[in-house]
Amino acid sequence: MSRPGRPPIPWEALVVAIVKPLLYFFTKRDWRGRANLPRTGGVIIAANHLSWSDPLLFAHYAYDNGRWPVYLAKSGVFDIPVIGTIIRKCRQIPVQRGSTDAARSLKEAETALRDGSCVIFYPEGTITRDPDFWPMDAKTGVARLALVTGVPVIPVAHWGAQEILPYGGKRPRLFPRKTFRVLAGPPVDLSKYEGLPMRGKVLKEATADIMAAITAQLSELRGEKAPDTPFGEAESRAG
């Protein structure tokens, strides 16, 4: 649903009618923490990124819990015939990486949040390269938007998408059916940053708090201890 009380627009309804039955058929679900996902109002979902398949899989979780998912997606995806038209009609936001248009994408996301949308971010900006699939060091865009808009940031961990479509893979491994596990946590407490200038240190610390919350959810979901230092940060220290 786009918003409570309003039926999906035609393009959204078409995508749901096609995709949802396929996801039910090809995957099993272990969905937890649903009560932590607000049913109304602007909200940021900050999640780990394991596979090109997890946006679609997590969209199922969001939709079945009352929210239409809005992603920031690479601009090149919008140029793909048919697919590009569909995702644009479904209100997804294109991201021009490495250009001044990246700021425009964040502005569109800010507008969507102020309009009450559920915007889903991968703070790492790409699929994790950690050999054990833990979250990496992250970019500060999510923290900036959270502090500008004041909307809650819900940390979400998921597990299983990497078994369906591993990084670098081209063919999904649909059988035997894999289980897509999700655990949503309570909002990240960013109150200590309110009123502070949004400069490098503040944004980095707020981002670290968000990533720590995501990693804690993933540690609980996997039943394993996460590394003390995120991949990327550890690599730069070693270098």
C-alpha atoms as a PDB file:
ATOM      1  CA  MET A   1       0.000   0.000   0.000  1.00  0.00           C
ATOM      2  CA  SER A   2       1.176   3.525  -0.684  1.00  0.00           C
ATOM      3  CA  ARG A   3      -0.364   5.013   2.432  1.00  0.00           C
ATOM      4  CA  PRO A   4      -2.849   3.595   4.957  1.00  0.00           C
ATOM      5  CA  GLY A   5      -6.369   3.966   3.677  1.00  0.00           C
ATOM      6  CA  ARG A   6      -5.334   4.568   0.066  1.00  0.00           C
ATOM      7  CA  PRO A   7      -5.115   1.710  -2.464  1.00  0.00           C
ATOM      8  CA  PRO A   8      -1.938   1.366  -4.546  1.00  0.00           C
ATOM      9  CA  ILE A   9      -1.740   3.378  -7.747  1.00  0.00           C
ATOM     10  CA  PRO A  10      -2.070   1.235 -10.906  1.00  0.00           C
ATOM     11  CA  TRP A  11       1.660   0.703 -11.483  1.00  0.00           C
ATOM     12  CA  GLU A  12       2.207  -0.283  -7.864  1.00  0.00           C
ATOM     13  CA  ALA A  13      -0.753  -2.626  -7.985  1.00  0.00           C
ATOM     14  CA  LEU A  14       0.594  -4.248 -11.157  1.00  0.00           C
ATOM     15  CA  VAL A  15       4.033  -4.837  -9.623  1.00  0.00           C
ATOM     16  CA  VAL A  16       2.512  -6.299  -6.464  1.00  0.00           C
ATOM     17  CA  ALA A  17       0.231  -8.609  -8.456  1.00  0.00           C
ATOM     18  CA  ILE A  18       3.189 -10.002 -10.433  1.00  0.00           C
ATOM     19  CA  VAL A  19       6.014 -10.044  -7.908  1.00  0.00           C
ATOM     20  CA  LYS A  20       4.367 -10.972  -4.608  1.00  0.00           C
ATOM     21  CA  PRO A  21       3.116 -14.437  -5.670  1.00  0.00           C
ATOM     22  CA  LEU A  22       6.572 -15.242  -7.109  1.00  0.00           C
ATOM     23  CA  LEU A  23       8.279 -14.301  -3.859  1.00  0.00           C
ATOM     24  CA  TYR A  24       5.857 -16.436  -1.860  1.00  0.00           C
ATOM     25  CA  PHE A  25       6.531 -19.344  -4.218  1.00  0.00           C
ATOM     26  CA  PHE A  26      10.323 -19.110  -4.388  1.00  0.00           C
ATOM     27  CA  THR A  27      11.245 -18.065  -0.829  1.00  0.00           C
ATOM     28  CA  LYS A  28      10.476 -18.905   2.755  1.00  0.00           C
ATOM     29  CA  ARG A  29      10.233 -16.101   5.315  1.00  0.00           C
ATOM     30  CA  ASP A  30      11.397 -15.538   8.868  1.00  0.00           C
ATOM     31  CA  TRP A  31      10.267 -11.997   9.557  1.00  0.00           C
ATOM     32  CA  ARG A  32      10.774 -10.435  12.987  1.00  0.00           C
ATOM     33  CA  GLY A  33      10.505  -7.009  14.580  1.00  0.00           C
ATOM     34  CA  ARG A  34       7.454  -5.939  12.625  1.00  0.00           C
ATOM     35  CA  ALA A  35       6.176  -3.841  15.536  1.00  0.00           C
ATOM     36  CA  ASN A  36       9.218  -1.571  15.157  1.00  0.00           C
ATOM     37  CA  LEU A  37       8.192  -0.491  11.655  1.00  0.00           C
ATOM     38  CA  PRO A  38       5.893   2.572  11.884  1.00  0.00           C
ATOM     39  CA  ARG A  39       2.728   2.208   9.824  1.00  0.00           C
ATOM     40  CA  THR A  40       2.409   5.931   9.115  1.00  0.00           C
ATOM     41  CA  GLY A  41       4.643   8.961   8.657  1.00  0.00           C
ATOM     42  CA  GLY A  42       8.046   9.452   7.149  1.00  0.00           C
ATOM     43  CA  VAL A  43      10.593   6.842   8.159  1.00  0.00           C
ATOM     44  CA  ILE A  44      14.083   5.805   7.112  1.00  0.00           C
ATOM     45  CA  ILE A  45      14.847   2.096   6.943  1.00  0.00           C
ATOM     46  CA  ALA A  46      18.620   1.593   7.169  1.00  0.00           C
ATOM     47  CA  ALA A  47      19.664  -1.926   6.187  1.00  0.00           C
ATOM     48  CA  ASN A  48      22.673  -4.061   5.389  1.00  0.00           C
ATOM     49  CA  HIS A  49      23.266  -4.985   1.728  1.00  0.00           C
ATOM     50  CA  LEU A  50      24.131  -8.565   0.760  1.00  0.00           C
ATOM     51  CA  SER A  51      22.900  -9.129  -2.789  1.00  0.00           C
ATOM     52  CA  TRP A  52      21.236  -7.526  -5.788  1.00  0.00           C
ATOM     53  CA  SER A  53      18.204  -9.596  -4.791  1.00  0.00           C
ATOM     54  CA  ASP A  54      17.698  -8.135  -1.326  1.00  0.00           C
ATOM     55  CA  PRO A  55      15.927  -4.898  -2.404  1.00  0.00           C
ATOM     56  CA  LEU A  56      13.104  -6.960  -3.889  1.00  0.00           C
ATOM     57  CA  LEU A  57      13.042  -9.397  -0.971  1.00  0.00           C
ATOM     58  CA  PHE A  58      12.999  -6.651   1.632  1.00  0.00           C
ATOM     59  CA  ALA A  59      10.375  -4.695  -0.309  1.00  0.00           C
ATOM     60  CA  HIS A  60       8.093  -7.687   0.323  1.00  0.00           C
ATOM     61  CA  TYR A  61       8.666  -7.331   4.077  1.00  0.00           C
ATOM     62  CA  ALA A  62       7.966  -3.592   4.017  1.00  0.00           C
ATOM     63  CA  TYR A  63       4.863  -3.915   1.867  1.00  0.00           C
ATOM     64  CA  ASP A  64       3.349  -6.697   3.953  1.00  0.00           C
ATOM     65  CA  ASN A  65       3.878  -4.531   7.011  1.00  0.00           C
ATOM     66  CA  GLY A  66       1.914  -1.607   5.616  1.00  0.00           C
ATOM     67  CA  ARG A  67       4.563   0.486   3.851  1.00  0.00           C
ATOM     68  CA  TRP A  68       5.310   1.122   0.206  1.00  0.00           C
ATOM     69  CA  PRO A  69       9.116   0.921  -0.153  1.00  0.00           C
ATOM     70  CA  VAL A  70      10.945   3.801  -1.825  1.00  0.00           C
ATOM     71  CA  TYR A  71      14.563   3.042  -2.757  1.00  0.00           C
ATOM     72  CA  LEU A  72      17.416   5.157  -4.028  1.00  0.00           C
ATOM     73  CA  ALA A  73      18.629   3.161  -7.039  1.00  0.00           C
ATOM     74  CA  LYS A  74      21.536   3.560  -9.447  1.00  0.00           C
ATOM     75  CA  SER A  75      20.518   5.815 -12.311  1.00  0.00           C
ATOM     76  CA  GLY A  76      21.575   3.204 -14.871  1.00  0.00           C
ATOM     77  CA  VAL A  77      18.728   0.948 -13.777  1.00  0.00           C
ATOM     78  CA  PHE A  78      16.259   3.600 -14.914  1.00  0.00           C
ATOM     79  CA  ASP A  79      17.679   3.379 -18.447  1.00  0.00           C
ATOM     80  CA  ILE A  80      16.832  -0.321 -18.827  1.00  0.00           C
ATOM     81  CA  PRO A  81      13.865  -0.749 -21.202  1.00  0.00           C
ATOM     82  CA  VAL A  82      10.598  -1.605 -19.438  1.00  0.00           C
ATOM     83  CA  ILE A  83      12.250  -2.059 -16.023  1.00  0.00           C
ATOM     84  CA  GLY A  84      13.298   1.577 -15.909  1.00  0.00           C
ATOM     85  CA  THR A  85       9.776   2.723 -16.716  1.00  0.00           C
ATOM     86  CA  ILE A  86       8.265   0.488 -14.055  1.00  0.00           C
ATOM     87  CA  ILE A  87      10.537   1.539 -11.210  1.00  0.00           C
ATOM     88  CA  ARG A  88      10.157   5.206 -12.103  1.00  0.00           C
ATOM     89  CA  LYS A  89       6.361   4.876 -12.122  1.00  0.00           C
ATOM     90  CA  CYS A  90       6.656   3.173  -8.727  1.00  0.00           C
ATOM     91  CA  ARG A  91       8.265   6.317  -7.270  1.00  0.00           C
ATOM     92  CA  GLN A  92      11.803   5.033  -6.844  1.00  0.00           C
ATOM     93  CA  ILE A  93      14.558   7.667  -6.809  1.00  0.00           C
ATOM     94  CA  PRO A  94      17.496   7.607  -9.266  1.00  0.00           C
ATOM     95  CA  VAL A  95      20.997   8.247  -7.930  1.00  0.00           C
ATOM     96  CA  GLN A  96      23.699   9.751 -10.128  1.00  0.00           C
ATOM     97  CA  ARG A  97      26.877   8.617  -8.434  1.00  0.00           C
ATOM     98  CA  GLY A  98      29.963  10.778  -8.579  1.00  0.00           C
ATOM     99  CA  SER A  99      28.116  13.838  -9.863  1.00  0.00           C
ATOM    100  CA  THR A 100      26.433  16.975  -8.596  1.00  0.00           C
ATOM    101  CA  ASP A 101      23.113  15.244  -9.240  1.00  0.00           C
ATOM    102  CA  ALA A 102      23.744  13.055  -6.183  1.00  0.00           C
ATOM    103  CA  ALA A 103      22.674  16.002  -4.024  1.00  0.00           C
ATOM    104  CA  ARG A 104      19.455  16.195  -6.039  1.00  0.00           C
ATOM    105  CA  SER A 105      18.719  12.557  -5.193  1.00  0.00           C
ATOM    106  CA  LEU A 106      19.095  13.260  -1.487  1.00  0.00           C
ATOM    107  CA  LYS A 107      16.797  16.258  -1.871  1.00  0.00           C
ATOM    108  CA  GLU A 108      14.177  14.045  -3.529  1.00  0.00           C
ATOM    109  CA  ALA A 109      14.531  11.582  -0.678  1.00  0.00           C
ATOM    110  CA  GLU A 110      14.097  14.414   1.829  1.00  0.00           C
ATOM    111  CA  THR A 111      10.904  15.517   0.067  1.00  0.00           C
ATOM    112  CA  ALA A 112       9.605  11.945   0.073  1.00  0.00           C
ATOM    113  CA  LEU A 113      10.279  11.622   3.807  1.00  0.00           C
ATOM    114  CA  ARG A 114       8.528  14.894   4.574  1.00  0.00           C
ATOM    115  CA  ASP A 115       5.574  13.626   2.536  1.00  0.00           C
ATOM    116  CA  GLY A 116       5.349  10.553   4.773  1.00  0.00           C
ATOM    117  CA  SER A 117       7.160   7.947   2.675  1.00  0.00           C
ATOM    118  CA  CYS A 118       9.138   4.928   3.819  1.00  0.00           C
ATOM    119  CA  VAL A 119      12.585   5.417   2.275  1.00  0.00           C
ATOM    120  CA  ILE A 120      15.010   2.502   2.353  1.00  0.00           C
ATOM    121  CA  PHE A 121      18.748   3.110   2.393  1.00  0.00           C
ATOM    122  CA  TYR A 122      21.837   0.970   2.253  1.00  0.00           C
ATOM    123  CA  PRO A 123      24.265   3.214   4.179  1.00  0.00           C
ATOM    124  CA  GLU A 124      27.263   1.266   2.816  1.00  0.00           C
ATOM    125  CA  GLY A 125      26.319   2.403  -0.678  1.00  0.00           C
ATOM    126  CA  THR A 126      27.041  -1.002  -2.203  1.00  0.00           C
ATOM    127  CA  ILE A 127      26.961  -4.717  -1.489  1.00  0.00           C
ATOM    128  CA  THR A 128      29.264  -5.614   1.380  1.00  0.00           C
ATOM    129  CA  ARG A 129      32.707  -6.900   0.480  1.00  0.00           C
ATOM    130  CA  ASP A 130      33.303  -8.266   3.953  1.00  0.00           C
ATOM    131  CA  PRO A 131      34.251 -11.944   3.450  1.00  0.00           C
ATOM    132  CA  ASP A 132      31.872 -12.968   6.247  1.00  0.00           C
ATOM    133  CA  PHE A 133      29.044 -10.689   5.067  1.00  0.00           C
ATOM    134  CA  TRP A 134      29.141  -8.219   7.958  1.00  0.00           C
ATOM    135  CA  PRO A 135      28.359  -4.532   7.258  1.00  0.00           C
ATOM    136  CA  MET A 136      31.187  -2.330   6.052  1.00  0.00           C
ATOM    137  CA  ASP A 137      32.146   1.223   6.838  1.00  0.00           C
ATOM    138  CA  ALA A 138      29.320   3.500   5.631  1.00  0.00           C
ATOM    139  CA  LYS A 139      28.656   6.826   3.960  1.00  0.00           C
ATOM    140  CA  THR A 140      26.997   9.722   5.808  1.00  0.00           C
ATOM    141  CA  GLY A 141      23.979  10.423   3.578  1.00  0.00           C
ATOM    142  CA  VAL A 142      21.501   8.549   5.775  1.00  0.00           C
ATOM    143  CA  ALA A 143      22.612  10.346   8.932  1.00  0.00           C
ATOM    144  CA  ARG A 144      22.351  13.704   7.175  1.00  0.00           C
ATOM    145  CA  LEU A 145      18.777  13.023   6.049  1.00  0.00           C
ATOM    146  CA  ALA A 146      17.767  11.736   9.459  1.00  0.00           C
ATOM    147  CA  LEU A 147      19.080  14.836  11.204  1.00  0.00           C
ATOM    148  CA  VAL A 148      17.583  17.221   8.623  1.00  0.00           C
ATOM    149  CA  THR A 149      14.106  15.682   8.642  1.00  0.00           C
ATOM    150  CA  GLY A 150      13.879  14.356  12.191  1.00  0.00           C
ATOM    151  CA  VAL A 151      12.187  11.160  11.004  1.00  0.00           C
ATOM    152  CA  PRO A 152      12.941   7.908  12.857  1.00  0.00           C
ATOM    153  CA  VAL A 153      15.696   5.636  11.576  1.00  0.00           C
ATOM    154  CA  ILE A 154      14.806   1.954  11.878  1.00  0.00           C
ATOM    155  CA  PRO A 155      17.861  -0.353  11.772  1.00  0.00           C
ATOM    156  CA  VAL A 156      17.146  -3.540   9.864  1.00  0.00           C
ATOM    157  CA  ALA A 157      19.250  -6.629   9.333  1.00  0.00           C
ATOM    158  CA  HIS A 158      18.468  -9.355   6.848  1.00  0.00           C
ATOM    159  CA  TRP A 159      20.086 -12.660   5.974  1.00  0.00           C
ATOM    160  CA  GLY A 160      19.630 -15.166   3.165  1.00  0.00           C
ATOM    161  CA  ALA A 161      19.648 -12.988   0.050  1.00  0.00           C
ATOM    162  CA  GLN A 162      23.310 -13.853  -0.546  1.00  0.00           C
ATOM    163  CA  GLU A 163      22.312 -17.522  -0.864  1.00  0.00           C
ATOM    164  CA  ILE A 164      19.773 -16.699  -3.563  1.00  0.00           C
ATOM    165  CA  LEU A 165      22.003 -14.447  -5.655  1.00  0.00           C
ATOM    166  CA  PRO A 166      25.622 -14.208  -4.464  1.00  0.00           C
ATOM    167  CA  TYR A 167      27.610 -11.085  -5.273  1.00  0.00           C
ATOM    168  CA  GLY A 168      28.889 -11.413  -8.834  1.00  0.00           C
ATOM    169  CA  GLY A 169      26.357 -14.119  -9.687  1.00  0.00           C
ATOM    170  CA  LYS A 170      24.031 -13.801 -12.661  1.00  0.00           C
ATOM    171  CA  ARG A 171      21.594 -16.643 -12.089  1.00  0.00           C
ATOM    172  CA  PRO A 172      19.519 -16.857  -8.910  1.00  0.00           C
ATOM    173  CA  ARG A 173      19.683 -20.101  -6.946  1.00  0.00           C
ATOM    174  CA  LEU A 174      15.995 -20.611  -6.334  1.00  0.00           C
ATOM    175  CA  PHE A 175      15.964 -24.278  -5.358  1.00  0.00           C
ATOM    176  CA  PRO A 176      15.919 -25.616  -2.789  1.00  0.00           C
ATOM    177  CA  ARG A 177      13.904 -22.686  -1.466  1.00  0.00           C
ATOM    178  CA  LYS A 178      15.934 -20.308   0.691  1.00  0.00           C
ATOM    179  CA  THR A 179      14.707 -18.516   3.800  1.00  0.00           C
ATOM    180  CA  PHE A 180      14.890 -14.738   3.845  1.00  0.00           C
ATOM    181  CA  ARG A 181      15.305 -13.621   7.447  1.00  0.00           C
ATOM    182  CA  VAL A 182      14.605 -10.072   8.635  1.00  0.00           C
ATOM    183  CA  LEU A 183      14.960  -8.422  12.023  1.00  0.00           C
ATOM    184  CA  ALA A 184      13.885  -4.797  12.481  1.00  0.00           C
ATOM    185  CA  GLY A 185      15.044  -3.003  15.620  1.00  0.00           C
ATOM    186  CA  PRO A 186      13.768   0.019  17.526  1.00  0.00           C
ATOM    187  CA  PRO A 187      14.617   3.508  16.220  1.00  0.00           C
ATOM    188  CA  VAL A 188      18.225   4.599  16.536  1.00  0.00           C
ATOM    189  CA  ASP A 189      18.599   7.266  19.224  1.00  0.00           C
ATOM    190  CA  LEU A 190      20.135  10.277  17.481  1.00  0.00           C
ATOM    191  CA  SER A 191      18.881  12.842  20.007  1.00  0.00           C
ATOM    192  CA  LYS A 192      22.397  13.798  21.139  1.00  0.00           C
ATOM    193  CA  TYR A 193      23.057  15.262  17.684  1.00  0.00           C
ATOM    194  CA  GLU A 194      20.024  17.572  17.628  1.00  0.00           C
ATOM    195  CA  GLY A 195      20.984  21.197  17.129  1.00  0.00           C
ATOM    196  CA  LEU A 196      24.599  20.421  16.317  1.00  0.00           C
ATOM    197  CA  PRO A 197      26.130  21.634  13.039  1.00  0.00           C
ATOM    198  CA  MET A 198      25.988  18.895  10.432  1.00  0.00           C
ATOM    199  CA  ARG A 199      29.680  18.705   9.776  1.00  0.00           C
ATOM    200  CA  GLY A 200      32.056  15.820   9.280  1.00  0.00           C
ATOM    201  CA  LYS A 201      32.478  14.675  12.882  1.00  0.00           C
ATOM    202  CA  VAL A 202      28.778  14.837  13.755  1.00  0.00           C
ATOM    203  CA  LEU A 203      27.734  13.029  10.593  1.00  0.00           C
ATOM    204  CA  LYS A 204      30.402  10.352  11.017  1.00  0.00           C
ATOM    205  CA  GLU A 205      29.417   9.681  14.618  1.00  0.00           C
ATOM    206  CA  ALA A 206      25.703   9.549  13.790  1.00  0.00           C
ATOM    207  CA  THR A 207      26.471   7.196  10.894  1.00  0.00           C
ATOM    208  CA  ALA A 208      28.517   4.992  13.227  1.00  0.00           C
ATOM    209  CA  ASP A 209      25.555   4.800  15.623  1.00  0.00           C
ATOM    210  CA  ILE A 210      23.237   3.761  12.795  1.00  0.00           C
ATOM    211  CA  MET A 211      25.653   1.111  11.517  1.00  0.00           C
ATOM    212  CA  ALA A 212      26.250  -0.214  15.037  1.00  0.00           C
ATOM    213  CA  ALA A 213      22.488  -0.707  15.402  1.00  0.00           C
ATOM    214  CA  ILE A 214      22.251  -2.527  12.054  1.00  0.00           C
ATOM    215  CA  THR A 215      25.219  -4.723  12.959  1.00  0.00           C
ATOM    216  CA  ALA A 216      23.709  -5.546  16.361  1.00  0.00           C
ATOM    217  CA  GLN A 217      20.498  -6.666  14.652  1.00  0.00           C
ATOM    218  CA  LEU A 218      22.480  -8.827  12.232  1.00  0.00           C
ATOM    219  CA  SER A 219      24.500 -10.346  15.074  1.00  0.00           C
ATOM    220  CA  GLU A 220      21.260 -11.317  16.821  1.00  0.00           C
ATOM    221  CA  LEU A 221      19.741 -12.629  13.619  1.00  0.00           C
ATOM    222  CA  ARG A 222      22.782 -14.778  12.831  1.00  0.00           C
ATOM    223  CA  GLY A 223      23.512 -15.768  16.432  1.00  0.00           C
ATOM    224  CA  GLU A 224      27.146 -14.763  15.936  1.00  0.00           C
ATOM    225  CA  LYS A 225      29.459 -12.076  17.266  1.00  0.00           C
ATOM    226  CA  ALA A 226      30.176  -9.275  14.809  1.00  0.00           C
ATOM    227  CA  PRO A 227      33.706  -7.946  14.234  1.00  0.00           C
ATOM    228  CA  ASP A 228      34.798  -5.143  16.552  1.00  0.00           C
ATOM    229  CA  THR A 229      35.696  -2.937  13.582  1.00  0.00           C
ATOM    230  CA  PRO A 230      33.706  -2.675  10.319  1.00  0.00           C
ATOM    231  CA  PHE A 231      35.307  -3.911   7.122  1.00  0.00           C
ATOM    232  CA  GLY A 232      36.740  -0.925   5.280  1.00  0.00           C
ATOM    233  CA  GLU A 233      37.600   0.943   8.433  1.00  0.00           C
ATOM    234  CA  ALA A 234      39.760  -1.986   9.515  1.00  0.00           C
ATOM    235  CA  GLU A 235      41.332  -2.135   6.048  1.00  0.00           C
ATOM    236  CA  SER A 236      42.193   1.553   6.064  1.00  0.00           C
ATOM    237  CA  ARG A 237      43.772   1.249   9.491  1.00  0.00           C
ATOM    238  CA  ALA A 238      45.852  -1.710   8.346  1.00  0.00           C
ATOM    239  CA  GLY A 239      47.028   0.289   5.343  1.00  0.00           C
END
